[in-house]
Amino acid sequence: QVQLVESGGGLVQAGGSLRLSCAASGRAFSSYFMGWFRQAPGKEREFVAAIGWSGGITHYADSVKARFTISRDNAKNTLYLQMNSLKPEDTAVYYCARTSNTGSLLTFANVYEYWGQGTQVTVSS
């Protein structure tokens, strides 16, 4: 059974930084692409970033490019999201997810098979 557990969320002032972690259980973590999504109140879940098996492939939403960095440590079965220069509009519940997809559909939530429970990020102005 695959379990994904996010941590690292919290309250931060605009311009600040947070690092989210996602600990994965189960086998073959390194065999899957991973992604981060977020959902703000009253809005649909949106793609934030995705990363390939070894971290050599990354993809970001335009809204977070140059501010957020996705990475992974396959030895620790852990996915990360470093978030810098945070803005109030980054406030959302952040979810990590695992997918068997490796192509152009990585920005779509419905191609991810497993999800964590989410961690709240609140950015005050």
C-alpha atoms as a PDB file:
ATOM      1  CA  GLN A   1       0.000   0.000   0.000  1.00  0.00           C
ATOM      2  CA  VAL A   2       1.354   3.416  -0.964  1.00  0.00           C
ATOM      3  CA  GLN A   3       1.154   6.213   1.565  1.00  0.00           C
ATOM      4  CA  LEU A   4       2.217   9.796   1.032  1.00  0.00           C
ATOM      5  CA  VAL A   5       2.548  12.082   4.055  1.00  0.00           C
ATOM      6  CA  GLU A   6       3.200  15.801   3.639  1.00  0.00           C
ATOM      7  CA  SER A   7       4.747  18.048   6.275  1.00  0.00           C
ATOM      8  CA  GLY A   8       6.321  21.462   6.566  1.00  0.00           C
ATOM      9  CA  GLY A   9       3.349  23.719   6.017  1.00  0.00           C
ATOM     10  CA  GLY A  10       2.590  26.685   8.229  1.00  0.00           C
ATOM     11  CA  LEU A  11       2.067  30.422   8.462  1.00  0.00           C
ATOM     12  CA  VAL A  12       4.649  32.713   6.895  1.00  0.00           C
ATOM     13  CA  GLN A  13       4.821  36.359   5.948  1.00  0.00           C
ATOM     14  CA  ALA A  14       4.928  37.442   2.324  1.00  0.00           C
ATOM     15  CA  GLY A  15       8.455  37.202   0.988  1.00  0.00           C
ATOM     16  CA  GLY A  16       9.290  34.339   3.308  1.00  0.00           C
ATOM     17  CA  SER A  17      10.177  30.729   2.612  1.00  0.00           C
ATOM     18  CA  LEU A  18       8.955  27.256   3.498  1.00  0.00           C
ATOM     19  CA  ARG A  19      10.094  23.771   2.567  1.00  0.00           C
ATOM     20  CA  LEU A  20       7.493  21.071   2.205  1.00  0.00           C
ATOM     21  CA  SER A  21       8.350  17.393   2.473  1.00  0.00           C
ATOM     22  CA  CYS A  22       6.452  14.337   1.318  1.00  0.00           C
ATOM     23  CA  ALA A  23       7.459  10.993   2.803  1.00  0.00           C
ATOM     24  CA  ALA A  24       6.490   8.008   0.679  1.00  0.00           C
ATOM     25  CA  SER A  25       5.988   4.461   1.834  1.00  0.00           C
ATOM     26  CA  GLY A  26       5.806   1.479  -0.451  1.00  0.00           C
ATOM     27  CA  ARG A  27       8.231   0.154  -2.977  1.00  0.00           C
ATOM     28  CA  ALA A  28      10.018   1.661  -5.934  1.00  0.00           C
ATOM     29  CA  PHE A  29       9.681   5.342  -5.083  1.00  0.00           C
ATOM     30  CA  SER A  30      12.381   6.098  -7.635  1.00  0.00           C
ATOM     31  CA  SER A  31      10.354   4.432 -10.397  1.00  0.00           C
ATOM     32  CA  TYR A  32       7.642   7.073 -10.424  1.00  0.00           C
ATOM     33  CA  PHE A  33       7.236  10.682 -11.392  1.00  0.00           C
ATOM     34  CA  MET A  34       6.017  12.799  -8.500  1.00  0.00           C
ATOM     35  CA  GLY A  35       4.125  16.045  -8.347  1.00  0.00           C
ATOM     36  CA  TRP A  36       2.919  18.847  -6.108  1.00  0.00           C
ATOM     37  CA  PHE A  37      -0.540  20.366  -6.428  1.00  0.00           C
ATOM     38  CA  ARG A  38      -2.371  22.976  -4.382  1.00  0.00           C
ATOM     39  CA  GLN A  39      -5.959  23.915  -3.711  1.00  0.00           C
ATOM     40  CA  ALA A  40      -7.152  27.244  -2.366  1.00  0.00           C
ATOM     41  CA  PRO A  41     -10.617  27.674  -0.820  1.00  0.00           C
ATOM     42  CA  GLY A  42     -13.285  27.797  -3.498  1.00  0.00           C
ATOM     43  CA  LYS A  43     -10.838  26.952  -6.266  1.00  0.00           C
ATOM     44  CA  GLU A  44      -9.950  23.838  -8.196  1.00  0.00           C
ATOM     45  CA  ARG A  45      -6.833  21.855  -7.447  1.00  0.00           C
ATOM     46  CA  GLU A  46      -3.987  23.212  -9.556  1.00  0.00           C
ATOM     47  CA  PHE A  47      -0.643  21.890 -10.690  1.00  0.00           C
ATOM     48  CA  VAL A  48       2.465  23.331  -9.042  1.00  0.00           C
ATOM     49  CA  ALA A  49       5.449  21.191 -10.069  1.00  0.00           C
ATOM     50  CA  ALA A  50       6.496  17.715 -11.180  1.00  0.00           C
ATOM     51  CA  ILE A  51       9.753  15.782 -11.159  1.00  0.00           C
ATOM     52  CA  GLY A  52      11.087  12.749 -12.964  1.00  0.00           C
ATOM     53  CA  TRP A  53      12.600   9.576 -11.611  1.00  0.00           C
ATOM     54  CA  SER A  54      16.055  10.871 -10.788  1.00  0.00           C
ATOM     55  CA  GLY A  55      15.244  14.558 -10.579  1.00  0.00           C
ATOM     56  CA  GLY A  56      16.723  15.386 -13.958  1.00  0.00           C
ATOM     57  CA  ILE A  57      13.339  16.346 -15.365  1.00  0.00           C
ATOM     58  CA  THR A  58      11.322  19.071 -13.693  1.00  0.00           C
ATOM     59  CA  HIS A  59       8.290  21.068 -14.761  1.00  0.00           C
ATOM     60  CA  TYR A  60       6.683  24.072 -13.069  1.00  0.00           C
ATOM     61  CA  ALA A  61       3.522  26.080 -13.303  1.00  0.00           C
ATOM     62  CA  ASP A  62       4.237  29.571 -14.628  1.00  0.00           C
ATOM     63  CA  SER A  63       2.941  31.072 -11.395  1.00  0.00           C
ATOM     64  CA  VAL A  64       5.712  29.482  -9.317  1.00  0.00           C
ATOM     65  CA  LYS A  65       8.578  29.296 -11.789  1.00  0.00           C
ATOM     66  CA  ALA A  66      11.801  30.832 -10.426  1.00  0.00           C
ATOM     67  CA  ARG A  67      10.351  30.892  -6.895  1.00  0.00           C
ATOM     68  CA  PHE A  68       9.700  27.206  -6.137  1.00  0.00           C
ATOM     69  CA  THR A  69      12.059  24.246  -6.542  1.00  0.00           C
ATOM     70  CA  ILE A  70      10.970  20.621  -6.600  1.00  0.00           C
ATOM     71  CA  SER A  71      13.491  17.941  -5.672  1.00  0.00           C
ATOM     72  CA  ARG A  72      13.631  14.374  -4.423  1.00  0.00           C
ATOM     73  CA  ASP A  73      15.874  12.111  -2.379  1.00  0.00           C
ATOM     74  CA  ASN A  74      15.273   8.569  -3.581  1.00  0.00           C
ATOM     75  CA  ALA A  75      17.441   7.095  -0.815  1.00  0.00           C
ATOM     76  CA  LYS A  76      15.029   8.620   1.711  1.00  0.00           C
ATOM     77  CA  ASN A  77      11.834   8.092  -0.318  1.00  0.00           C
ATOM     78  CA  THR A  78      11.131  11.786   0.104  1.00  0.00           C
ATOM     79  CA  LEU A  79       9.892  14.534  -2.189  1.00  0.00           C
ATOM     80  CA  TYR A  80      10.494  18.219  -1.447  1.00  0.00           C
ATOM     81  CA  LEU A  81       9.154  21.596  -2.481  1.00  0.00           C
ATOM     82  CA  GLN A  82      11.278  24.605  -1.584  1.00  0.00           C
ATOM     83  CA  MET A  83       9.122  27.706  -1.733  1.00  0.00           C
ATOM     84  CA  ASN A  84      10.788  31.128  -1.741  1.00  0.00           C
ATOM     85  CA  SER A  85       9.435  34.661  -2.174  1.00  0.00           C
ATOM     86  CA  LEU A  86       6.039  33.492  -1.049  1.00  0.00           C
ATOM     87  CA  LYS A  87       2.984  35.583  -1.928  1.00  0.00           C
ATOM     88  CA  PRO A  88      -0.482  35.704  -0.339  1.00  0.00           C
ATOM     89  CA  GLU A  89      -1.854  34.053  -3.469  1.00  0.00           C
ATOM     90  CA  ASP A  90       0.270  30.989  -2.694  1.00  0.00           C
ATOM     91  CA  THR A  91      -2.021  30.295   0.269  1.00  0.00           C
ATOM     92  CA  ALA A  92      -3.532  26.840  -0.216  1.00  0.00           C
ATOM     93  CA  VAL A  93      -3.463  23.248   0.904  1.00  0.00           C
ATOM     94  CA  TYR A  94      -0.503  21.593  -0.790  1.00  0.00           C
ATOM     95  CA  TYR A  95      -0.643  17.953  -1.872  1.00  0.00           C
ATOM     96  CA  CYS A  96       2.001  15.584  -3.123  1.00  0.00           C
ATOM     97  CA  ALA A  97       1.043  12.851  -5.554  1.00  0.00           C
ATOM     98  CA  ARG A  98       2.479   9.911  -7.479  1.00  0.00           C
ATOM     99  CA  THR A  99       1.890   9.063 -11.107  1.00  0.00           C
ATOM    100  CA  SER A 100       2.749   6.355 -13.579  1.00  0.00           C
ATOM    101  CA  ASN A 101       2.524   8.970 -16.327  1.00  0.00           C
ATOM    102  CA  THR A 102       5.763  10.316 -17.687  1.00  0.00           C
ATOM    103  CA  GLY A 103       4.692  12.611 -20.485  1.00  0.00           C
ATOM    104  CA  SER A 104       2.799  15.726 -21.295  1.00  0.00           C
ATOM    105  CA  LEU A 105      -0.130  15.034 -18.965  1.00  0.00           C
ATOM    106  CA  LEU A 106       1.785  15.667 -15.764  1.00  0.00           C
ATOM    107  CA  THR A 107      -0.083  18.910 -15.131  1.00  0.00           C
ATOM    108  CA  PHE A 108      -3.412  17.084 -14.884  1.00  0.00           C
ATOM    109  CA  ALA A 109      -4.462  15.865 -11.443  1.00  0.00           C
ATOM    110  CA  ASN A 110      -6.409  12.910 -12.810  1.00  0.00           C
ATOM    111  CA  VAL A 111      -3.260  11.117 -13.995  1.00  0.00           C
ATOM    112  CA  TYR A 112      -1.962  10.836 -10.438  1.00  0.00           C
ATOM    113  CA  GLU A 113      -2.950   7.621  -8.686  1.00  0.00           C
ATOM    114  CA  TYR A 114      -1.908   8.300  -5.104  1.00  0.00           C
ATOM    115  CA  TRP A 115      -2.270  11.453  -3.009  1.00  0.00           C
ATOM    116  CA  GLY A 116      -1.234  12.657   0.395  1.00  0.00           C
ATOM    117  CA  GLN A 117      -3.608  14.247   2.887  1.00  0.00           C
ATOM    118  CA  GLY A 118      -2.269  17.753   2.291  1.00  0.00           C
ATOM    119  CA  THR A 119      -0.509  20.406   4.351  1.00  0.00           C
ATOM    120  CA  GLN A 120      -1.752  23.966   4.819  1.00  0.00           C
ATOM    121  CA  VAL A 121       0.388  26.877   3.689  1.00  0.00           C
ATOM    122  CA  THR A 122      -0.785  30.352   4.680  1.00  0.00           C
ATOM    123  CA  VAL A 123       1.023  33.464   3.503  1.00  0.00           C
ATOM    124  CA  SER A 124       0.104  36.702   5.247  1.00  0.00           C
ATOM    125  CA  SER A 125       0.461  40.089   3.594  1.00  0.00           C
END
